[in-house]
N, C-alpha and C. Protein backbone atom coordinates (compact mmCIF):
# COMPACT_ATOMS: atom_id res chain seq x y z
N MET A 1 16.80 -47.30 101.32
CA MET A 1 17.36 -48.41 102.52
C MET A 1 17.25 -49.46 102.83
N LYS A 2 16.31 -49.36 103.80
CA LYS A 2 15.75 -50.37 104.72
C LYS A 2 15.84 -51.27 104.19
N LYS A 3 14.94 -51.79 103.00
CA LYS A 3 15.39 -52.94 102.03
C LYS A 3 16.42 -53.89 102.70
N TYR A 4 17.98 -53.11 101.83
CA TYR A 4 19.55 -53.49 101.69
C TYR A 4 19.14 -53.74 103.30
N LEU A 5 19.20 -53.01 103.87
CA LEU A 5 19.49 -53.20 105.54
C LEU A 5 18.86 -54.76 106.87
N TYR A 6 17.60 -54.62 105.67
CA TYR A 6 16.78 -55.84 106.34
C TYR A 6 17.37 -57.40 105.84
N LEU A 7 17.87 -57.15 104.38
CA LEU A 7 19.10 -58.40 103.22
C LEU A 7 19.11 -58.22 104.16
N LEU A 8 20.62 -57.31 104.92
CA LEU A 8 21.63 -57.92 104.81
C LEU A 8 21.56 -58.56 106.10
N PHE A 9 20.46 -58.01 107.08
CA PHE A 9 20.38 -59.06 108.41
C PHE A 9 19.64 -60.49 108.31
N ILE A 10 19.36 -61.22 107.75
CA ILE A 10 19.31 -62.06 106.84
C ILE A 10 19.71 -63.01 106.64
N ALA A 11 20.95 -62.19 106.26
CA ALA A 11 22.26 -62.66 105.70
C ALA A 11 22.95 -62.79 106.42
N THR A 12 23.37 -62.08 107.09
CA THR A 12 23.27 -62.64 108.46
C THR A 12 23.08 -63.50 109.13
N ALA A 13 21.86 -63.80 109.18
CA ALA A 13 21.53 -64.89 110.46
C ALA A 13 21.27 -65.91 109.63
N LEU A 14 21.42 -65.89 108.46
CA LEU A 14 21.15 -67.44 107.88
C LEU A 14 23.35 -67.95 108.03
N PHE A 15 23.86 -66.92 108.20
CA PHE A 15 25.12 -67.74 108.08
C PHE A 15 25.75 -67.93 109.46
N SER A 16 25.41 -66.72 110.20
CA SER A 16 25.40 -66.94 111.70
C SER A 16 25.19 -68.19 111.76
N CYS A 17 23.84 -68.69 111.57
CA CYS A 17 23.65 -70.92 111.99
C CYS A 17 24.66 -71.08 111.51
N SER A 18 24.49 -72.56 111.87
CA SER A 18 25.52 -73.62 112.22
C SER A 18 25.03 -74.62 112.15
N LYS A 19 25.49 -76.22 111.80
CA LYS A 19 25.67 -77.53 112.83
C LYS A 19 26.21 -77.85 113.68
N GLU A 20 25.55 -77.88 114.52
CA GLU A 20 26.48 -78.26 115.92
C GLU A 20 28.49 -78.64 114.94
N ALA A 21 29.37 -78.31 115.63
CA ALA A 21 30.39 -78.01 115.76
C ALA A 21 30.66 -79.83 116.19
N GLN A 22 31.44 -80.70 115.02
CA GLN A 22 31.94 -81.54 115.46
C GLN A 22 33.20 -81.84 116.52
N THR A 23 32.73 -83.25 117.79
CA THR A 23 33.51 -83.01 118.35
C THR A 23 34.34 -84.73 118.50
N PRO A 24 35.08 -85.05 118.99
CA PRO A 24 35.43 -86.29 119.72
C PRO A 24 34.25 -86.97 120.17
N GLU A 25 33.86 -85.83 121.11
CA GLU A 25 32.67 -85.97 122.12
C GLU A 25 30.98 -86.28 121.39
N ASN A 26 31.08 -85.77 119.94
CA ASN A 26 29.68 -85.89 119.70
C ASN A 26 29.26 -87.30 118.61
N LEU A 27 31.27 -86.97 118.56
CA LEU A 27 31.30 -88.88 117.82
C LEU A 27 30.62 -89.57 118.88
N LYS A 28 31.64 -89.76 120.11
CA LYS A 28 31.07 -91.19 121.39
C LYS A 28 29.43 -91.24 120.94
N GLN A 29 28.96 -89.97 121.41
CA GLN A 29 27.38 -89.57 122.52
C GLN A 29 26.66 -90.67 120.58
N LYS A 30 27.36 -90.48 119.19
CA LYS A 30 26.53 -91.03 118.41
C LYS A 30 26.36 -92.83 118.12
N MET A 31 27.56 -92.81 118.82
CA MET A 31 28.09 -94.75 118.23
C MET A 31 28.03 -95.27 120.14
N LEU A 32 27.30 -94.45 121.32
CA LEU A 32 26.07 -95.08 122.14
C LEU A 32 25.27 -95.26 122.12
N SER A 33 24.97 -97.18 121.74
CA SER A 33 23.94 -97.83 121.30
C SER A 33 24.15 -99.61 121.36
N LYS A 34 23.41 -101.09 121.37
CA LYS A 34 23.52 -101.31 121.11
C LYS A 34 23.53 -101.74 119.12
N TRP A 35 24.66 -102.40 119.10
CA TRP A 35 24.38 -102.25 117.35
C TRP A 35 24.09 -103.76 116.19
N ARG A 36 23.19 -104.35 115.83
CA ARG A 36 23.79 -105.82 115.34
C ARG A 36 24.75 -105.51 114.34
N PHE A 37 25.53 -106.85 113.82
CA PHE A 37 26.51 -106.92 113.40
C PHE A 37 25.27 -107.23 111.91
N ARG A 38 26.17 -105.94 110.49
CA ARG A 38 25.17 -106.70 109.11
C ARG A 38 25.78 -107.86 108.03
N THR A 39 27.59 -106.86 108.32
CA THR A 39 28.14 -107.51 107.64
C THR A 39 29.37 -107.20 108.67
N ALA A 40 30.74 -108.23 108.73
CA ALA A 40 32.04 -107.67 107.88
C ALA A 40 33.25 -108.75 107.47
N LYS A 41 33.50 -107.63 106.81
CA LYS A 41 34.92 -108.00 105.09
C LYS A 41 36.39 -107.31 105.36
N VAL A 42 37.52 -108.97 105.33
CA VAL A 42 38.28 -108.11 105.93
C VAL A 42 38.74 -107.72 104.73
N MET A 43 39.67 -106.49 104.40
CA MET A 43 39.88 -106.14 103.16
C MET A 43 41.22 -105.63 102.72
N ASN A 44 41.88 -106.85 102.07
CA ASN A 44 43.91 -105.99 101.80
C ASN A 44 43.95 -105.89 100.54
N TYR A 45 44.82 -105.17 101.19
CA TYR A 45 45.69 -103.40 100.47
C TYR A 45 46.72 -104.06 99.62
N SER A 46 46.71 -103.79 98.25
CA SER A 46 49.11 -103.50 98.29
C SER A 46 49.05 -101.97 99.36
N ALA A 47 50.54 -102.47 98.49
CA ALA A 47 51.14 -101.16 99.57
C ALA A 47 51.26 -99.52 98.77
N GLN A 48 50.89 -99.66 97.19
CA GLN A 48 50.28 -98.46 97.25
C GLN A 48 48.74 -98.39 97.45
N GLY A 49 48.38 -98.64 98.46
CA GLY A 49 47.14 -98.93 99.03
C GLY A 49 45.51 -99.03 97.98
N LYS A 50 45.97 -100.01 96.93
CA LYS A 50 44.66 -100.10 96.43
C LYS A 50 44.33 -101.47 96.80
N ALA A 51 42.35 -101.13 96.91
CA ALA A 51 42.28 -103.09 97.26
C ALA A 51 42.06 -104.01 96.41
N THR A 52 42.94 -104.96 96.72
CA THR A 52 43.67 -105.86 95.96
C THR A 52 42.36 -107.38 95.93
N ASP A 53 41.83 -107.77 96.89
CA ASP A 53 40.55 -108.39 97.08
C ASP A 53 40.02 -108.07 99.12
N SER A 54 38.75 -109.39 98.68
CA SER A 54 38.36 -109.25 100.06
C SER A 54 37.68 -110.60 100.08
N THR A 55 37.62 -111.01 101.98
CA THR A 55 37.26 -111.88 101.76
C THR A 55 36.01 -111.45 103.40
N SER A 56 34.45 -112.37 103.00
CA SER A 56 33.81 -112.02 104.08
C SER A 56 34.31 -112.49 105.51
N VAL A 57 33.88 -112.38 106.53
CA VAL A 57 33.47 -113.43 107.88
C VAL A 57 32.73 -113.27 107.59
N LEU A 58 32.57 -114.50 108.77
CA LEU A 58 30.93 -114.98 108.77
C LEU A 58 30.34 -113.79 109.94
N VAL A 59 29.21 -113.50 110.63
CA VAL A 59 28.64 -112.30 111.58
C VAL A 59 27.41 -113.35 110.75
N THR A 60 26.94 -113.04 112.79
CA THR A 60 25.77 -113.64 112.47
C THR A 60 24.30 -112.31 113.49
N ILE A 61 22.89 -112.14 112.67
CA ILE A 61 23.02 -111.03 112.88
C ILE A 61 21.77 -111.29 114.88
N ASN A 62 22.48 -112.37 115.23
CA ASN A 62 22.12 -112.68 117.07
C ASN A 62 23.39 -112.11 117.50
N ASP A 63 24.51 -111.61 117.14
CA ASP A 63 25.84 -110.72 117.81
C ASP A 63 25.26 -109.63 117.95
N PHE A 64 26.18 -108.66 118.66
CA PHE A 64 25.55 -107.31 119.22
C PHE A 64 27.09 -106.82 118.95
N PHE A 65 27.08 -105.61 119.63
CA PHE A 65 28.33 -104.37 119.57
C PHE A 65 27.82 -103.86 120.47
N GLU A 66 28.40 -103.94 121.18
CA GLU A 66 27.72 -102.16 122.67
C GLU A 66 28.78 -101.05 122.59
N PHE A 67 28.07 -99.81 122.63
CA PHE A 67 29.02 -99.23 122.99
C PHE A 67 27.94 -98.58 124.18
N LYS A 68 29.30 -98.21 125.11
CA LYS A 68 28.19 -97.84 126.46
C LYS A 68 28.97 -96.18 127.15
N ALA A 69 28.37 -95.81 127.88
CA ALA A 69 28.65 -94.47 128.47
C ALA A 69 29.65 -94.16 128.46
N ASP A 70 30.11 -95.25 129.98
CA ASP A 70 31.51 -95.75 130.83
C ASP A 70 32.71 -95.80 129.87
N GLY A 71 32.80 -95.15 128.61
CA GLY A 71 33.59 -95.85 127.64
C GLY A 71 34.13 -97.09 127.51
N SER A 72 32.66 -98.38 128.03
CA SER A 72 33.23 -99.47 127.58
C SER A 72 32.39 -99.92 126.43
N PHE A 73 32.95 -101.04 126.21
CA PHE A 73 32.21 -102.21 124.55
C PHE A 73 32.05 -102.90 124.86
N ASN A 74 31.31 -104.29 124.09
CA ASN A 74 30.98 -105.47 124.44
C ASN A 74 30.90 -105.71 123.70
N ASN A 75 31.33 -107.26 122.11
CA ASN A 75 30.51 -107.82 121.48
C ASN A 75 29.54 -108.59 122.08
N SER A 76 29.15 -109.34 122.50
CA SER A 76 27.92 -110.55 122.76
C SER A 76 26.91 -111.52 121.80
N THR A 77 26.93 -112.44 121.45
CA THR A 77 25.69 -113.35 120.89
C THR A 77 24.13 -112.64 121.72
N LEU A 78 22.90 -112.56 120.80
CA LEU A 78 21.44 -112.86 121.98
C LEU A 78 22.30 -113.27 122.90
N ASN A 79 21.80 -114.53 123.16
CA ASN A 79 21.64 -115.22 124.68
C ASN A 79 22.90 -114.45 125.94
N GLY A 80 23.55 -113.46 124.80
CA GLY A 80 24.46 -113.02 126.41
C GLY A 80 25.59 -113.39 126.77
N LYS A 81 25.82 -114.08 126.07
CA LYS A 81 27.77 -114.99 126.20
C LYS A 81 28.20 -113.92 125.23
N GLU A 82 29.28 -113.64 126.09
CA GLU A 82 30.15 -112.44 125.69
C GLU A 82 31.63 -112.90 124.75
N LEU A 83 31.77 -111.94 124.17
CA LEU A 83 32.93 -112.84 122.69
C LEU A 83 33.68 -112.17 123.46
N GLU A 84 34.31 -110.23 123.18
CA GLU A 84 35.42 -110.00 123.75
C GLU A 84 34.52 -108.29 124.43
N SER A 85 35.34 -108.02 125.20
CA SER A 85 34.89 -106.93 125.96
C SER A 85 36.41 -106.01 126.17
N GLY A 86 36.17 -104.58 126.39
CA GLY A 86 37.60 -103.19 126.46
C GLY A 86 36.74 -102.33 126.69
N THR A 87 37.98 -101.14 126.58
CA THR A 87 37.86 -100.07 126.67
C THR A 87 37.36 -99.31 125.60
N PHE A 88 36.38 -98.35 125.00
CA PHE A 88 36.79 -97.59 123.28
C PHE A 88 37.04 -95.75 123.94
N ALA A 89 37.72 -95.31 122.70
CA ALA A 89 37.62 -93.64 122.90
C ALA A 89 38.17 -92.76 122.03
N THR A 90 37.26 -91.94 121.55
CA THR A 90 37.31 -91.04 120.80
C THR A 90 38.74 -89.85 121.08
N SER A 91 38.70 -90.54 119.13
CA SER A 91 40.16 -89.33 119.36
C SER A 91 39.53 -88.38 118.84
N THR A 92 38.82 -88.28 117.36
CA THR A 92 38.42 -87.16 116.41
C THR A 92 37.42 -87.38 116.82
N THR A 93 37.13 -86.14 115.01
CA THR A 93 35.74 -86.71 114.77
C THR A 93 35.16 -88.14 113.91
N SER A 94 36.31 -88.87 113.33
CA SER A 94 36.56 -90.16 112.54
C SER A 94 36.91 -90.72 113.05
N ARG A 95 37.41 -90.97 113.85
CA ARG A 95 38.58 -92.38 114.38
C ARG A 95 38.56 -91.96 116.01
N PHE A 96 38.27 -93.69 116.31
CA PHE A 96 38.13 -94.07 118.16
C PHE A 96 39.84 -95.16 117.42
N THR A 97 39.64 -95.34 119.21
CA THR A 97 40.19 -96.87 119.74
C THR A 97 39.73 -98.01 120.29
N LEU A 98 39.63 -98.87 120.39
CA LEU A 98 39.58 -99.90 120.92
C LEU A 98 40.35 -100.58 121.78
N LYS A 99 40.17 -100.72 123.12
CA LYS A 99 40.53 -101.32 124.29
C LYS A 99 40.50 -102.78 124.53
N MET A 100 41.46 -103.12 124.05
CA MET A 100 41.02 -105.18 125.10
C MET A 100 42.36 -105.55 125.09
N PRO A 101 42.06 -106.92 126.30
CA PRO A 101 43.00 -107.18 127.42
C PRO A 101 44.54 -107.58 125.51
N GLY A 102 45.34 -107.10 125.88
CA GLY A 102 46.66 -107.18 124.87
C GLY A 102 46.31 -106.49 123.52
N SER A 103 45.79 -106.06 123.14
CA SER A 103 45.08 -105.46 122.20
C SER A 103 44.72 -104.21 122.10
N THR A 104 45.49 -103.42 120.91
CA THR A 104 44.59 -102.06 120.79
C THR A 104 44.58 -101.39 119.09
N SER A 105 43.43 -101.43 119.47
CA SER A 105 42.49 -101.55 117.74
C SER A 105 42.18 -99.56 117.81
N THR A 106 42.96 -99.42 116.61
CA THR A 106 42.90 -98.17 115.86
C THR A 106 41.41 -98.50 114.59
N CYS A 107 40.69 -97.03 114.93
CA CYS A 107 38.84 -97.39 114.17
C CYS A 107 38.87 -96.62 113.30
N ARG A 108 38.65 -96.97 112.43
CA ARG A 108 37.98 -95.47 111.34
C ARG A 108 36.36 -95.22 110.40
N VAL A 109 35.27 -94.08 111.65
CA VAL A 109 34.71 -94.64 110.98
C VAL A 109 34.04 -94.16 109.26
N ILE A 110 33.29 -94.96 109.04
CA ILE A 110 33.03 -94.66 107.56
C ILE A 110 31.37 -94.12 106.95
N ASN A 111 30.93 -94.70 107.84
CA ASN A 111 29.86 -93.58 107.78
C ASN A 111 28.85 -93.82 109.24
N LEU A 112 28.22 -93.33 109.85
CA LEU A 112 27.34 -93.10 111.41
C LEU A 112 26.10 -92.14 111.28
N ASP A 113 25.50 -92.35 111.26
CA ASP A 113 23.50 -92.19 111.05
C ASP A 113 22.72 -92.53 112.39
N ALA A 114 21.66 -91.95 112.32
CA ALA A 114 21.04 -92.47 113.13
C ALA A 114 20.96 -94.89 113.35
N ASP A 115 20.68 -95.05 111.87
CA ASP A 115 20.07 -96.59 112.14
C ASP A 115 20.99 -98.11 111.09
N ASN A 116 22.75 -96.84 110.80
CA ASN A 116 23.86 -97.88 111.08
C ASN A 116 24.81 -96.61 111.53
N PHE A 117 26.03 -97.69 111.29
CA PHE A 117 27.44 -97.48 111.74
C PHE A 117 28.82 -98.71 111.03
N VAL A 118 28.84 -97.98 110.20
CA VAL A 118 29.84 -98.26 109.43
C VAL A 118 31.33 -97.98 109.74
N PHE A 119 32.22 -99.39 110.29
CA PHE A 119 33.29 -98.43 110.84
C PHE A 119 35.12 -99.82 110.12
N ALA A 120 35.72 -98.89 110.22
CA ALA A 120 36.83 -100.19 109.58
C ALA A 120 38.53 -99.86 110.58
N VAL A 121 38.89 -101.62 110.78
CA VAL A 121 39.95 -101.41 111.64
C VAL A 121 41.35 -101.94 110.83
N GLN A 122 42.09 -101.21 111.27
CA GLN A 122 43.51 -101.28 110.16
C GLN A 122 44.33 -101.68 110.62
N GLU A 123 45.07 -103.16 110.33
CA GLU A 123 46.34 -103.54 110.94
C GLU A 123 47.21 -102.71 110.77
N PRO A 124 48.19 -102.79 111.93
CA PRO A 124 49.16 -102.05 111.76
C PRO A 124 49.86 -102.11 110.12
N LYS A 125 50.16 -100.73 109.78
CA LYS A 125 51.11 -100.23 108.39
C LYS A 125 52.69 -100.59 108.74
N VAL A 126 53.21 -101.17 107.11
CA VAL A 126 54.95 -100.91 108.01
C VAL A 126 54.96 -100.20 106.31
N THR A 127 55.52 -99.34 106.33
CA THR A 127 55.90 -98.32 105.02
C THR A 127 56.81 -99.47 103.77
N GLY A 128 55.77 -99.57 102.39
CA GLY A 128 55.83 -100.02 101.36
C GLY A 128 55.23 -101.14 101.80
N GLN A 129 54.78 -101.82 102.75
CA GLN A 129 54.40 -103.32 102.41
C GLN A 129 52.70 -102.94 102.60
N PRO A 130 51.70 -104.06 102.29
CA PRO A 130 50.74 -104.87 101.93
C PRO A 130 50.14 -104.40 103.66
N TYR A 131 48.88 -104.56 103.94
CA TYR A 131 47.72 -104.18 104.65
C TYR A 131 46.68 -105.02 104.62
N ILE A 132 45.88 -105.36 105.33
CA ILE A 132 45.27 -105.55 105.45
C ILE A 132 43.88 -104.35 106.30
N GLU A 133 42.72 -104.38 106.25
CA GLU A 133 42.26 -103.66 107.15
C GLU A 133 40.42 -104.54 107.17
N THR A 134 40.05 -104.64 108.30
CA THR A 134 38.19 -105.09 108.33
C THR A 134 37.49 -104.08 108.23
N LYS A 135 36.75 -104.73 107.23
CA LYS A 135 35.22 -103.35 107.36
C LYS A 135 33.94 -103.95 108.19
N TYR A 136 33.51 -103.14 109.71
CA TYR A 136 32.70 -104.35 109.98
C TYR A 136 31.03 -103.13 109.13
N THR A 137 30.45 -103.32 109.66
CA THR A 137 28.45 -102.49 109.13
C THR A 137 27.77 -103.07 110.24
N LEU A 138 26.87 -102.70 110.55
CA LEU A 138 26.64 -102.96 111.68
C LEU A 138 25.08 -101.70 111.44
N TYR A 139 24.50 -102.29 112.63
CA TYR A 139 23.14 -101.92 112.00
C TYR A 139 21.90 -101.69 113.38
N ARG A 140 20.48 -101.14 113.86
CA ARG A 140 20.23 -100.56 115.00
C ARG A 140 19.11 -101.60 114.37
């Protein structure tokens, strides 16, 4: 009987332990850093959501994308020249928005780990129409 109680205790302990709850705040904390551009690719999709073609966008490893704890971000070059800036906010565990003067972009996280950050910025969709998404690959 003690054997079964011991096994029940271990099983309960194992199932009680879980990964850290995923929240928009966790996503924000993971994003906070200065990331270098690896690639940027414009993807064209049909109205049915099938990729039709893509075009690589010229980026240099000297361009940075920095997310700051105060909710601001900037895109700058190695010598500090700011290309664009604004604010960001995480809305779910896999989505965030970038707000710049005159525009707001909704972004979808594809991958985010200690060394790589891949996200897509989707142009506004119109039902039944083709659409465009730009995929950015960053690294630390």
